[in-house]
């Protein structure tokens, strides 16, 4: 039986260059639920999932969960434009605890 991975997620606005900048900042922040670990620990960069802009956050989250692998050394980002705001969801998968 395969264990379900643990995911780390964060959100920001702006263009992809801003996502990269925020990613570098996030890597210095501790996890709320694991104070001894940094956010996106072991991930060295963030890459866009695709050029697609998703219409809602749930659709983007599902696509990211499908694409993220605990063995990746990078995080993935999906752009969401729901007509009111334009945001990026950044996600990385980790082995289940």
N, C-alpha and C. Protein backbone atom coordinates (compact mmCIF):
# COMPACT_ATOMS: atom_id res chain seq x y z
N UNK A 1 0.83 -1.18 0.00
CA UNK A 1 0.00 0.00 0.00
C UNK A 1 0.88 1.25 0.00
N UNK A 2 0.63 2.16 -0.91
CA UNK A 2 1.39 3.39 -1.00
C UNK A 2 0.85 4.43 -0.03
N UNK A 3 1.75 5.04 0.72
CA UNK A 3 1.36 6.10 1.65
C UNK A 3 1.11 7.39 0.87
N UNK A 4 0.16 8.14 1.33
CA UNK A 4 -0.17 9.42 0.69
C UNK A 4 0.90 10.43 1.09
N UNK A 5 1.47 11.14 0.11
CA UNK A 5 2.51 12.12 0.44
C UNK A 5 1.95 13.27 1.29
N UNK A 6 2.84 13.95 1.95
CA UNK A 6 2.54 15.18 2.66
C UNK A 6 2.87 16.32 1.70
N UNK A 7 2.06 17.36 1.69
CA UNK A 7 2.27 18.48 0.78
C UNK A 7 2.51 19.76 1.57
N UNK A 8 3.40 20.60 1.05
CA UNK A 8 3.57 21.95 1.55
C UNK A 8 3.08 22.89 0.46
N UNK A 9 2.32 23.90 0.88
CA UNK A 9 1.68 24.80 -0.08
C UNK A 9 1.79 26.24 0.42
N UNK A 10 1.98 27.15 -0.51
CA UNK A 10 1.90 28.56 -0.20
C UNK A 10 1.33 29.27 -1.43
N UNK A 11 0.92 30.52 -1.24
CA UNK A 11 0.23 31.27 -2.29
C UNK A 11 0.79 32.68 -2.35
N UNK A 12 0.89 33.22 -3.56
CA UNK A 12 1.26 34.63 -3.71
C UNK A 12 0.69 35.16 -5.02
N UNK A 13 0.71 36.45 -5.17
CA UNK A 13 0.27 37.09 -6.40
C UNK A 13 1.47 37.50 -7.23
N UNK A 14 1.21 38.25 -8.28
CA UNK A 14 2.29 38.76 -9.13
C UNK A 14 2.63 37.84 -10.28
N UNK A 15 3.73 38.15 -10.92
CA UNK A 15 4.18 37.33 -12.05
C UNK A 15 5.10 36.22 -11.54
N UNK A 16 5.58 35.38 -12.45
CA UNK A 16 6.38 34.24 -12.01
C UNK A 16 7.71 34.66 -11.39
N UNK A 17 8.27 35.78 -11.83
CA UNK A 17 9.49 36.28 -11.21
C UNK A 17 9.24 36.58 -9.73
N UNK A 18 8.08 37.14 -9.42
CA UNK A 18 7.72 37.40 -8.02
C UNK A 18 7.57 36.08 -7.25
N UNK A 19 7.01 35.07 -7.90
CA UNK A 19 6.89 33.75 -7.27
C UNK A 19 8.27 33.23 -6.89
N UNK A 20 9.24 33.36 -7.77
CA UNK A 20 10.61 32.92 -7.47
C UNK A 20 11.19 33.66 -6.27
N UNK A 21 10.97 34.97 -6.22
CA UNK A 21 11.47 35.77 -5.11
C UNK A 21 10.83 35.34 -3.79
N UNK A 22 9.53 35.17 -3.79
CA UNK A 22 8.81 34.74 -2.59
C UNK A 22 9.26 33.35 -2.17
N UNK A 23 9.49 32.46 -3.13
CA UNK A 23 9.95 31.10 -2.83
C UNK A 23 11.26 31.16 -2.04
N UNK A 24 12.19 31.99 -2.48
CA UNK A 24 13.48 32.13 -1.76
C UNK A 24 13.24 32.63 -0.33
N UNK A 25 12.29 33.55 -0.16
CA UNK A 25 11.97 34.05 1.18
C UNK A 25 11.31 32.96 2.03
N UNK A 26 10.37 32.23 1.44
CA UNK A 26 9.67 31.18 2.17
C UNK A 26 10.63 30.13 2.70
N UNK A 27 11.69 29.83 1.94
CA UNK A 27 12.64 28.79 2.34
C UNK A 27 13.35 29.13 3.65
N UNK A 28 13.31 30.39 4.07
CA UNK A 28 13.92 30.81 5.32
C UNK A 28 12.94 30.80 6.49
N UNK A 29 11.68 30.53 6.22
CA UNK A 29 10.65 30.56 7.25
C UNK A 29 10.39 29.16 7.81
N UNK A 30 10.22 29.05 9.13
CA UNK A 30 9.92 27.74 9.71
C UNK A 30 8.49 27.32 9.40
N UNK A 31 8.28 26.02 9.36
CA UNK A 31 6.93 25.51 9.22
C UNK A 31 6.16 25.77 10.50
N UNK A 32 4.92 26.09 10.41
CA UNK A 32 4.10 26.36 11.59
C UNK A 32 3.98 25.12 12.45
N UNK A 33 3.79 23.97 11.81
CA UNK A 33 3.55 22.73 12.54
C UNK A 33 4.81 21.92 12.81
N UNK A 34 5.96 22.38 12.30
CA UNK A 34 7.25 21.72 12.54
C UNK A 34 8.32 22.81 12.64
N UNK A 35 8.44 23.39 13.80
CA UNK A 35 9.31 24.55 14.00
C UNK A 35 10.78 24.26 13.67
N UNK A 36 11.18 23.00 13.71
CA UNK A 36 12.57 22.65 13.43
C UNK A 36 12.86 22.48 11.94
N UNK A 37 11.85 22.66 11.08
CA UNK A 37 12.03 22.53 9.63
C UNK A 37 11.65 23.84 8.94
N UNK A 38 12.33 24.09 7.83
CA UNK A 38 12.03 25.27 7.02
C UNK A 38 11.02 24.90 5.94
N UNK A 39 10.29 25.90 5.51
CA UNK A 39 9.33 25.70 4.44
C UNK A 39 10.06 25.31 3.15
N UNK A 40 9.50 24.38 2.43
CA UNK A 40 10.06 23.88 1.17
C UNK A 40 11.50 23.38 1.33
N UNK A 41 11.79 22.80 2.48
CA UNK A 41 13.11 22.25 2.75
C UNK A 41 13.45 21.17 1.72
N UNK A 42 14.66 21.23 1.19
CA UNK A 42 15.11 20.24 0.20
C UNK A 42 14.69 20.56 -1.23
N UNK A 43 13.96 21.64 -1.41
CA UNK A 43 13.56 22.07 -2.76
C UNK A 43 14.39 23.29 -3.12
N UNK A 44 15.07 23.22 -4.26
CA UNK A 44 16.06 24.23 -4.60
C UNK A 44 15.54 25.31 -5.53
N UNK A 45 14.41 25.07 -6.17
CA UNK A 45 13.83 26.06 -7.06
C UNK A 45 12.34 25.78 -7.21
N UNK A 46 11.66 26.74 -7.81
CA UNK A 46 10.25 26.57 -8.14
C UNK A 46 10.13 26.66 -9.66
N UNK A 47 9.33 25.77 -10.21
CA UNK A 47 9.11 25.73 -11.67
C UNK A 47 7.62 25.87 -11.95
N UNK A 48 7.29 26.51 -13.07
CA UNK A 48 5.86 26.57 -13.43
C UNK A 48 5.37 25.18 -13.83
N UNK A 49 4.17 24.84 -13.40
CA UNK A 49 3.58 23.56 -13.77
C UNK A 49 3.37 23.51 -15.28
N UNK A 50 2.83 24.58 -15.83
CA UNK A 50 2.59 24.69 -17.27
C UNK A 50 2.28 26.14 -17.58
N UNK A 51 2.01 26.43 -18.84
CA UNK A 51 1.62 27.79 -19.23
C UNK A 51 0.13 28.02 -19.00
N UNK A 52 -0.57 26.99 -18.61
CA UNK A 52 -2.02 27.07 -18.39
C UNK A 52 -2.35 27.93 -17.18
N UNK A 53 -3.42 28.71 -17.29
CA UNK A 53 -3.97 29.46 -16.16
C UNK A 53 -5.26 28.76 -15.75
N UNK A 54 -5.30 28.33 -14.51
CA UNK A 54 -6.47 27.60 -14.01
C UNK A 54 -7.57 28.57 -13.60
N UNK A 55 -8.81 28.11 -13.73
CA UNK A 55 -9.97 28.95 -13.43
C UNK A 55 -10.36 28.98 -11.98
N UNK A 56 -9.85 28.04 -11.18
CA UNK A 56 -10.12 28.07 -9.74
C UNK A 56 -9.01 27.34 -8.99
N UNK A 57 -8.93 27.60 -7.71
CA UNK A 57 -7.83 27.05 -6.91
C UNK A 57 -7.92 25.54 -6.75
N UNK A 58 -9.11 25.01 -6.68
CA UNK A 58 -9.27 23.56 -6.51
C UNK A 58 -8.72 22.80 -7.72
N UNK A 59 -9.01 23.29 -8.89
CA UNK A 59 -8.51 22.67 -10.13
C UNK A 59 -6.98 22.73 -10.15
N UNK A 60 -6.42 23.87 -9.78
CA UNK A 60 -4.96 24.02 -9.77
C UNK A 60 -4.34 23.10 -8.71
N UNK A 61 -4.95 23.03 -7.53
CA UNK A 61 -4.43 22.17 -6.46
C UNK A 61 -4.38 20.72 -6.89
N UNK A 62 -5.44 20.25 -7.52
CA UNK A 62 -5.48 18.87 -7.99
C UNK A 62 -4.39 18.60 -9.03
N UNK A 63 -4.20 19.54 -9.95
CA UNK A 63 -3.16 19.38 -10.97
C UNK A 63 -1.78 19.35 -10.33
N UNK A 64 -1.55 20.21 -9.35
CA UNK A 64 -0.27 20.22 -8.66
C UNK A 64 -0.04 18.92 -7.89
N UNK A 65 -1.05 18.43 -7.19
CA UNK A 65 -0.90 17.18 -6.44
C UNK A 65 -0.58 16.01 -7.36
N UNK A 66 -1.16 16.01 -8.53
CA UNK A 66 -0.90 14.95 -9.50
C UNK A 66 0.54 15.02 -10.02
N UNK A 67 1.04 16.25 -10.19
CA UNK A 67 2.37 16.44 -10.79
C UNK A 67 3.52 16.38 -9.79
N UNK A 68 3.27 16.75 -8.54
CA UNK A 68 4.34 16.78 -7.53
C UNK A 68 4.72 15.37 -7.10
N UNK A 69 6.00 15.15 -6.92
CA UNK A 69 6.51 13.86 -6.48
C UNK A 69 7.45 14.10 -5.30
N UNK A 70 7.37 13.29 -4.27
CA UNK A 70 8.28 13.47 -3.13
C UNK A 70 9.77 13.40 -3.50
N UNK A 71 10.10 12.79 -4.61
CA UNK A 71 11.50 12.67 -5.03
C UNK A 71 12.00 13.92 -5.75
N UNK A 72 11.11 14.83 -6.12
CA UNK A 72 11.51 16.07 -6.82
C UNK A 72 12.39 16.93 -5.92
N UNK A 73 13.35 17.61 -6.51
CA UNK A 73 14.14 18.57 -5.73
C UNK A 73 13.72 20.00 -6.03
N UNK A 74 12.50 20.17 -6.52
CA UNK A 74 11.93 21.48 -6.84
C UNK A 74 10.45 21.49 -6.45
N UNK A 75 9.90 22.68 -6.32
CA UNK A 75 8.46 22.86 -6.11
C UNK A 75 7.84 23.25 -7.44
N UNK A 76 6.54 23.09 -7.54
CA UNK A 76 5.81 23.48 -8.75
C UNK A 76 4.82 24.59 -8.42
N UNK A 77 4.55 25.44 -9.41
CA UNK A 77 3.61 26.55 -9.23
C UNK A 77 2.59 26.56 -10.36
N UNK A 78 1.34 26.79 -9.99
CA UNK A 78 0.25 26.88 -10.97
C UNK A 78 -0.42 28.24 -10.82
N UNK A 79 -0.69 28.87 -11.95
CA UNK A 79 -1.34 30.19 -11.94
C UNK A 79 -2.85 30.01 -11.95
N UNK A 80 -3.52 30.79 -11.12
CA UNK A 80 -4.98 30.75 -11.02
C UNK A 80 -5.51 32.14 -11.30
N UNK A 81 -6.43 32.23 -12.25
CA UNK A 81 -7.11 33.50 -12.54
C UNK A 81 -8.60 33.21 -12.50
N UNK A 82 -9.23 33.57 -11.40
CA UNK A 82 -10.66 33.27 -11.23
C UNK A 82 -11.56 34.43 -11.65
N UNK A 83 -11.01 35.41 -12.34
CA UNK A 83 -11.79 36.55 -12.79
C UNK A 83 -11.76 37.71 -11.81
N UNK A 84 -11.43 37.43 -10.56
CA UNK A 84 -11.35 38.48 -9.54
C UNK A 84 -9.91 38.77 -9.15
N UNK A 85 -9.10 37.72 -9.11
CA UNK A 85 -7.70 37.89 -8.73
C UNK A 85 -6.85 36.88 -9.49
N UNK A 86 -5.58 37.21 -9.58
CA UNK A 86 -4.60 36.36 -10.26
C UNK A 86 -3.56 35.96 -9.22
N UNK A 87 -3.49 34.67 -8.89
CA UNK A 87 -2.56 34.19 -7.86
C UNK A 87 -1.80 32.98 -8.37
N UNK A 88 -0.78 32.64 -7.65
CA UNK A 88 0.00 31.42 -7.90
C UNK A 88 -0.08 30.54 -6.67
N UNK A 89 -0.30 29.26 -6.88
CA UNK A 89 -0.23 28.27 -5.82
C UNK A 89 1.08 27.51 -6.01
N UNK A 90 1.88 27.45 -4.96
CA UNK A 90 3.17 26.77 -5.00
C UNK A 90 3.07 25.54 -4.11
N UNK A 91 3.52 24.39 -4.64
CA UNK A 91 3.38 23.14 -3.89
C UNK A 91 4.60 22.25 -4.08
N UNK A 92 4.92 21.51 -3.02
CA UNK A 92 5.95 20.48 -3.06
C UNK A 92 5.43 19.27 -2.29
N UNK A 93 5.77 18.08 -2.75
CA UNK A 93 5.37 16.83 -2.09
C UNK A 93 6.55 16.29 -1.30
N UNK A 94 6.23 15.65 -0.16
CA UNK A 94 7.24 15.04 0.70
C UNK A 94 6.75 13.64 1.07
N UNK A 95 7.68 12.75 1.39
CA UNK A 95 7.24 11.40 1.81
C UNK A 95 6.31 11.48 3.02
N UNK A 96 5.38 10.56 3.07
CA UNK A 96 4.46 10.50 4.22
C UNK A 96 5.25 10.23 5.47
N UNK A 97 4.78 10.77 6.56
CA UNK A 97 5.47 10.58 7.84
C UNK A 97 5.18 9.23 8.44
